[in-house]
Every structure is written in structure tokens, then in C-alpha cells.
């Protein structure tokens, strides 16, 4: 189901008690595009987030809207697609490596 929300975002996926739940796609024009799992209206589980504002793509596991877990990757589009792979904790890189 494609739904336009009050904040002009668009969501394709399932709702449970009016909250995004399960596999879905969220698009907020000029801000972000996310495809992956939702739980309780938040990005939770495997997904890919393209952040248009900061020029990056985040891939891996999300917890409460933040990149979280092992083997996650950020691609910096404004830096010749430089990749940072590593372990993240609530969006913060704990340790990892840069791949040129």
C-alpha cells in the first residue's frame, strides 16, 4: 500500500496500529529514501538508507533509526564513493576500515 503521510513523505508497506511495520519503503523528498524493515514506526532490521542531505548510503542493520551492528557499510557519495565498513553502535562507528 502506498500512503502519503502528513509530512509529505511516501510509504509503501504495512501498518500495524497506524505504525510502519515489517518490510517497507519510505521516501521523503530531498531528504532520504529507505528500503528495509520497520518495527514500531522506526527503521529496525536489515535495510538500505540513502541520505540525500549528507550524500551517503548506509547499508546493514538498523536499530531505532540508527545504523547498528556488525558488518555495516557507509558509502560517501560526495567523496568518490569512499566506503567505510565496520561495527556501529546506535549510529556511531566503533571500529572499522576505509575502502578506497
Foldseek 3Di string as FASTA:
>chain_A
DWDQDPLRKIKDADDDPNAGAAFIWIGDPQAKIKTGGDDRNFQAAFIWMQGNVQQKIKGDGDDRNAHAAAFIKIFRRVVVRWMWTGGDHRNHGPDTDIDD
